[in-house]
Protein backbone atom coordinates (compact mmCIF):
# COMPACT_ATOMS: atom_id res chain seq x y z
CA UNK A 1 103.92 171.92 173.70
CA UNK A 2 107.20 170.72 172.23
CA UNK A 3 109.05 170.70 175.55
CA UNK A 4 107.46 167.79 177.36
CA UNK A 5 110.60 166.58 179.15
CA UNK A 6 110.87 166.70 182.93
CA UNK A 7 114.50 165.53 182.88
CA UNK A 8 114.15 161.79 182.30
CA UNK A 9 116.84 159.65 180.62
CA UNK A 10 120.53 159.04 181.33
CA UNK A 11 119.98 157.70 184.84
CA UNK A 12 123.09 156.84 186.89
CA UNK A 13 124.92 153.54 186.48
CA UNK A 14 127.18 152.49 189.34
CA UNK A 15 128.78 149.44 190.87
CA UNK A 16 127.48 147.75 194.04
CA UNK A 17 130.75 146.76 195.68
CA UNK A 18 129.28 145.97 199.11
CA UNK A 19 126.65 143.68 197.61
CA UNK A 20 129.34 141.95 195.55
CA UNK A 21 131.38 141.30 198.67
CA UNK A 22 128.35 140.06 200.61
CA UNK A 23 127.23 137.62 197.90
CA UNK A 24 130.76 136.61 197.00
CA UNK A 25 130.06 134.63 193.84
CA UNK A 26 129.08 136.99 191.00
CA UNK A 27 131.89 138.76 189.15
CA UNK A 28 130.42 142.29 189.05
CA UNK A 29 127.09 143.80 190.12
CA UNK A 30 125.99 147.15 188.69
CA UNK A 31 122.85 149.19 189.30
CA UNK A 32 120.88 151.18 186.74
CA UNK A 33 119.13 153.75 188.93
CA UNK A 34 115.78 154.13 187.18
CA UNK A 35 114.30 155.20 190.53
CA UNK A 36 116.04 158.55 189.92
CA UNK A 37 113.73 159.52 187.06
CA UNK A 38 111.52 162.60 187.74
CA UNK A 39 108.52 160.73 189.21
CA UNK A 40 110.63 158.03 190.82
CA UNK A 41 110.38 155.22 188.27
CA UNK A 42 111.36 154.06 184.79
CA UNK A 43 107.82 154.74 183.56
CA UNK A 44 108.76 158.34 182.73
CA UNK A 45 110.64 157.22 179.64
CA UNK A 46 107.56 155.74 178.00
CA UNK A 47 105.19 158.43 179.21
CA UNK A 48 106.93 161.11 177.13
CA UNK A 49 106.36 159.10 173.94
CA UNK A 50 102.71 158.42 174.73
CA UNK A 51 101.93 162.03 175.61
CA UNK A 52 103.45 163.19 172.31
CA UNK A 53 101.30 160.66 170.46
CA UNK A 54 98.12 161.83 172.22
CA UNK A 55 98.88 165.40 171.14
CA UNK A 56 99.66 164.30 167.56
CA UNK A 57 96.37 162.41 167.28
CA UNK A 58 94.47 165.29 168.93
CA UNK A 59 92.98 163.02 171.56
CA UNK A 60 90.83 164.45 174.34
CA UNK A 61 93.22 162.97 176.87
CA UNK A 62 94.94 159.78 177.95
CA UNK A 63 93.88 156.72 179.91
CA UNK A 64 95.71 153.73 181.33
CA UNK A 65 95.47 150.85 183.76
CA UNK A 66 98.10 151.06 186.47
CA UNK A 67 99.31 149.58 189.74
CA UNK A 68 100.80 152.96 190.68
CA UNK A 69 104.01 153.91 188.89
CA UNK A 70 102.48 154.49 185.47
CA UNK A 71 99.66 156.51 187.04
CA UNK A 72 102.16 158.81 188.76
CA UNK A 73 104.25 159.19 185.63
CA UNK A 74 101.53 159.81 183.06
CA UNK A 75 99.72 162.26 185.33
CA UNK A 76 102.88 164.36 185.72
CA UNK A 77 103.61 164.56 182.01
CA UNK A 78 99.94 165.14 181.19
CA UNK A 79 99.86 168.02 183.68
CA UNK A 80 102.82 169.66 181.93
CA UNK A 81 100.87 169.86 178.67
CA UNK A 82 97.46 170.35 180.30
CA UNK A 83 96.05 167.09 179.00
CA UNK A 84 93.20 165.16 180.64
CA UNK A 85 94.43 162.05 182.44
CA UNK A 86 92.22 159.14 183.55
CA UNK A 87 93.75 156.25 185.51
CA UNK A 88 92.12 152.89 186.25
CA UNK A 89 93.65 151.25 189.33
CA UNK A 90 92.98 148.21 191.53
CA UNK A 91 91.36 149.32 194.77
CA UNK A 92 94.29 147.94 196.82
CA UNK A 93 96.98 150.04 195.08
CA UNK A 94 99.50 151.54 197.58
CA UNK A 95 98.26 155.00 198.59
CA UNK A 96 101.62 156.70 198.17
CA UNK A 97 101.69 155.78 194.49
CA UNK A 98 98.24 157.31 194.04
CA UNK A 99 99.13 160.56 195.81
CA UNK A 100 101.48 161.50 192.99
CA UNK A 101 98.76 161.07 190.40
CA UNK A 102 96.16 162.93 192.43
CA UNK A 103 98.38 165.94 193.16
CA UNK A 104 99.05 166.26 189.43
CA UNK A 105 95.32 166.42 188.71
CA UNK A 106 94.60 162.94 187.37
CA UNK A 107 91.17 161.42 187.79
CA UNK A 108 91.40 157.99 189.44
CA UNK A 109 88.85 155.23 189.00
CA UNK A 110 89.28 152.35 191.45
CA UNK A 111 87.83 148.98 190.63
CA UNK A 112 87.48 145.81 192.65
CA UNK A 113 89.78 143.55 190.71
CA UNK A 114 93.36 143.04 189.62
CA UNK A 115 95.51 144.80 187.04
CA UNK A 116 94.29 142.63 184.16
CA UNK A 117 90.71 143.69 184.82
CA UNK A 118 91.82 147.33 184.92
CA UNK A 119 93.31 146.89 181.43
CA UNK A 120 89.95 145.75 180.06
CA UNK A 121 88.16 148.73 181.62
CA UNK A 122 90.75 151.17 180.28
CA UNK A 123 90.36 149.78 176.75
CA UNK A 124 86.59 150.17 176.97
CA UNK A 125 86.72 153.79 178.14
CA UNK A 126 89.45 154.78 175.66
CA UNK A 127 87.08 154.06 172.79
CA UNK A 128 84.03 155.57 174.47
CA UNK A 129 85.70 158.87 175.45
CA UNK A 130 88.25 159.27 172.60
CA UNK A 131 91.27 158.93 174.90
CA UNK A 132 94.67 157.53 173.94
CA UNK A 133 95.07 154.12 175.54
CA UNK A 134 98.45 154.17 177.26
CA UNK A 135 100.27 151.30 178.88
CA UNK A 136 102.63 148.46 178.17
CA UNK A 137 102.23 148.55 174.42
CA UNK A 138 104.60 149.22 171.51
CA UNK A 139 104.85 152.98 172.10
CA UNK A 140 106.05 152.44 175.65
CA UNK A 141 108.63 149.90 174.52
CA UNK A 142 109.98 152.50 172.11
CA UNK A 143 110.22 155.01 174.95
CA UNK A 144 112.05 152.56 177.21
CA UNK A 145 114.60 151.30 174.68
CA UNK A 146 117.07 154.07 175.63
CA UNK A 147 117.78 152.13 178.85
CA UNK A 148 119.34 149.39 176.76
CA UNK A 149 121.13 151.89 174.53
CA UNK A 150 122.53 153.76 177.53
CA UNK A 151 123.83 150.51 179.02
CA UNK A 152 125.30 149.40 175.70
CA UNK A 153 127.12 152.73 175.36
CA UNK A 154 128.37 152.78 178.97
CA UNK A 155 131.73 151.26 178.14
CA UNK A 156 131.10 148.48 180.68
CA UNK A 157 131.21 144.90 179.45
CA UNK A 158 127.88 143.65 180.80
CA UNK A 159 127.06 139.96 180.40
CA UNK A 160 123.46 140.15 181.60
CA UNK A 161 120.74 142.43 182.93
CA UNK A 162 118.29 141.45 185.67
CA UNK A 163 114.86 143.04 185.41
CA UNK A 164 111.50 142.63 187.18
CA UNK A 165 108.83 141.20 184.91
CA UNK A 166 105.17 142.17 185.17
CA UNK A 167 103.90 142.68 181.63
CA UNK A 168 107.40 142.05 180.34
CA UNK A 169 107.48 145.30 178.35
CA UNK A 170 110.46 146.80 180.15
CA UNK A 171 112.75 143.82 179.69
CA UNK A 172 111.82 143.56 176.01
CA UNK A 173 112.51 147.26 175.52
CA UNK A 174 115.92 146.98 177.19
CA UNK A 175 117.10 144.08 175.04
CA UNK A 176 115.79 145.85 171.93
CA UNK A 177 117.89 148.87 172.89
CA UNK A 178 120.96 146.68 173.39
CA UNK A 179 120.45 144.97 170.03
CA UNK A 180 120.25 148.34 168.28
CA UNK A 181 123.86 148.77 169.43
CA UNK A 182 124.78 145.21 168.39
CA UNK A 183 125.00 144.00 172.00
CA UNK A 184 123.38 140.74 173.14
CA UNK A 185 123.48 140.40 176.95
CA UNK A 186 121.50 137.67 178.67
CA UNK A 187 117.94 138.69 179.58
CA UNK A 188 117.30 137.52 183.15
CA UNK A 189 113.73 138.16 184.26
CA UNK A 190 112.36 137.85 187.79
CA UNK A 191 108.73 137.41 188.84
CA UNK A 192 106.97 137.17 192.18
CA UNK A 193 105.74 133.70 193.11
CA UNK A 194 102.00 133.67 192.64
CA UNK A 195 102.35 136.01 189.66
CA UNK A 196 104.84 133.98 187.67
CA UNK A 197 103.22 132.49 184.55
CA UNK A 198 106.34 133.18 182.47
CA UNK A 199 108.64 131.42 184.93
CA UNK A 200 106.45 128.34 184.74
CA UNK A 201 106.44 128.42 180.93
CA UNK A 202 110.20 128.92 180.76
CA UNK A 203 110.93 126.08 183.19
CA UNK A 204 108.68 123.75 181.18
CA UNK A 205 110.28 124.95 177.92
CA UNK A 206 106.93 126.11 176.56
CA UNK A 207 106.73 128.75 173.82
CA UNK A 208 103.57 130.28 175.30
CA UNK A 209 102.34 130.77 178.85
CA UNK A 210 99.15 130.03 180.74
CA UNK A 211 97.64 133.07 182.44
CA UNK A 212 97.06 133.17 186.20
CA UNK A 213 93.53 134.30 187.03
CA UNK A 214 94.22 135.59 190.53
CA UNK A 215 97.87 136.72 190.71
CA UNK A 216 99.43 137.21 194.13
CA UNK A 217 102.69 138.88 195.15
CA UNK A 218 103.74 141.63 197.54
CA UNK A 219 105.41 143.39 194.60
CA UNK A 220 102.41 145.28 193.19
CA UNK A 221 104.17 146.30 189.96
CA UNK A 222 104.67 142.61 189.12
CA UNK A 223 101.19 141.49 190.15
CA UNK A 224 100.17 140.57 186.61
CA UNK A 225 98.62 137.25 185.72
CA UNK A 226 98.32 137.75 181.96
CA UNK A 227 101.43 139.67 180.78
CA UNK A 228 100.79 141.76 177.66
CA UNK A 229 104.31 141.11 176.36
CA UNK A 230 104.58 137.66 177.89
CA UNK A 231 105.29 135.64 174.76
CA UNK A 232 107.68 138.27 173.44
CA UNK A 233 109.54 138.10 176.76
CA UNK A 234 109.86 134.32 176.52
CA UNK A 235 111.17 134.68 172.98
CA UNK A 236 113.86 137.20 173.95
CA UNK A 237 114.90 135.17 177.01
CA UNK A 238 115.43 132.11 174.81
CA UNK A 239 117.24 134.06 172.11
CA UNK A 240 119.70 135.59 174.59
CA UNK A 241 120.31 132.37 176.53
CA UNK A 242 118.74 134.03 179.55
CA UNK A 243 116.39 132.77 182.24
CA UNK A 244 113.31 133.64 184.26
CA UNK A 245 113.14 132.97 188.00
CA UNK A 246 110.47 133.59 190.59
CA UNK A 247 110.97 134.69 194.18
CA UNK A 248 108.58 134.74 197.11
CA UNK A 249 107.44 137.65 199.26
CA UNK A 250 109.84 136.91 202.11
CA UNK A 251 112.80 136.81 199.72
CA UNK A 252 111.75 140.12 198.19
CA UNK A 253 111.42 141.89 201.54
CA UNK A 254 114.74 140.48 202.73
CA UNK A 255 116.40 141.74 199.54
CA UNK A 256 114.85 145.18 199.91
CA UNK A 257 116.34 145.43 203.39
CA UNK A 258 119.67 143.97 202.26
CA UNK A 259 120.09 146.51 199.46
CA UNK A 260 119.26 149.37 201.81
CA UNK A 261 121.65 148.21 204.54
CA UNK A 262 124.53 147.23 202.25
CA UNK A 263 124.32 150.01 199.67
CA UNK A 264 122.04 152.68 201.13
CA UNK A 265 119.52 152.22 198.30
CA UNK A 266 115.83 151.97 199.12
CA UNK A 267 113.81 150.67 196.19
CA UNK A 268 110.29 149.36 195.71
CA UNK A 269 109.62 145.65 196.11
CA UNK A 270 109.64 144.91 192.39
CA UNK A 271 113.10 146.45 192.04
CA UNK A 272 114.32 144.57 195.12
CA UNK A 273 113.30 141.33 193.45
CA UNK A 274 116.32 141.71 191.14
CA UNK A 275 118.53 141.20 194.20
CA UNK A 276 116.42 138.20 195.17
CA UNK A 277 117.15 136.71 191.74
CA UNK A 278 120.87 136.80 192.55
CA UNK A 279 120.25 135.11 195.87
CA UNK A 280 118.65 132.10 194.16
CA UNK A 281 122.24 131.18 193.20
CA UNK A 282 121.10 130.05 189.72
CA UNK A 283 123.07 132.78 187.93
CA UNK A 284 126.54 132.07 186.56
CA UNK A 285 129.26 133.14 189.00
CA UNK A 286 131.40 134.65 186.25
CA UNK A 287 128.82 137.11 184.97
CA UNK A 288 128.94 140.89 185.14
CA UNK A 289 125.29 141.83 185.73
CA UNK A 290 123.31 145.04 185.96
CA UNK A 291 120.21 145.26 188.14
CA UNK A 292 117.42 147.42 186.70
CA UNK A 293 116.22 149.24 189.84
CA UNK A 294 112.85 150.33 188.56
CA UNK A 295 111.30 152.47 191.29
CA UNK A 296 111.78 154.33 194.56
CA UNK A 297 110.86 152.49 197.76
CA UNK A 298 109.07 155.51 199.22
CA UNK A 299 106.24 154.96 196.78
CA UNK A 300 105.03 151.84 198.59
CA UNK A 301 104.95 153.18 202.13
CA UNK A 302 102.97 155.80 204.00
CA UNK A 303 105.56 158.20 205.43
């Protein structure tokens, strides 16, 4: 069971010349194509680490709360090593994201509630059934740090990275990877309005955030009212002289279409929100930025 890899890591990094020309004010715009990982999202990087840990601890299987991408990823890697996989999902999760998990043999438990409530249920069952609790915790940050290291080693002088923020784990992992290589780009996070407790805290210059009980946003992967790595995210944003912005559903959908029509790249709504962040015109014109395009757009649509 040593060979768990499905070919994750070292995703393409390329420049978005057409988007640069269209926007006209940012120095350089690059894309880190995390949607080209084996199951179509960045989650694959952390899943490998968690599966290895479940095997090391001789757990009966794994369990996680998910809005779709993590379910698809963990189920694929669990299938490779024939490990039981239980996924707790909100009952309104996009069906295409669930198809990946189901075809790989995962057992899905749908609950009437949001992601935060799924987390509580997953924690409960992990103890009861001796399953490794997977999700946006330290192990997954370790697995996702290579994104930052890959960017730091790219030879491109990047001033900032723009990343969607749900639990905040991905952005924290990326900056940790950069720092390992003695690079300190600005951490620019983007949230969906209605699910933006960190944006509110950052704008009010608060060290901690106030959770949102009923988060709302079209971007399901960012529909998190109580981010697990929320305070850590705020800390890194401050330390790197970054920022957190929120964008509404209309802006996200417009950006998804814009990226597809200008660059031929179709990403999920959460990934498209990184383009929306540029359109807010709050980002320094002189920056060279990289957009972390987290997931494939086909996951959110019935095709």
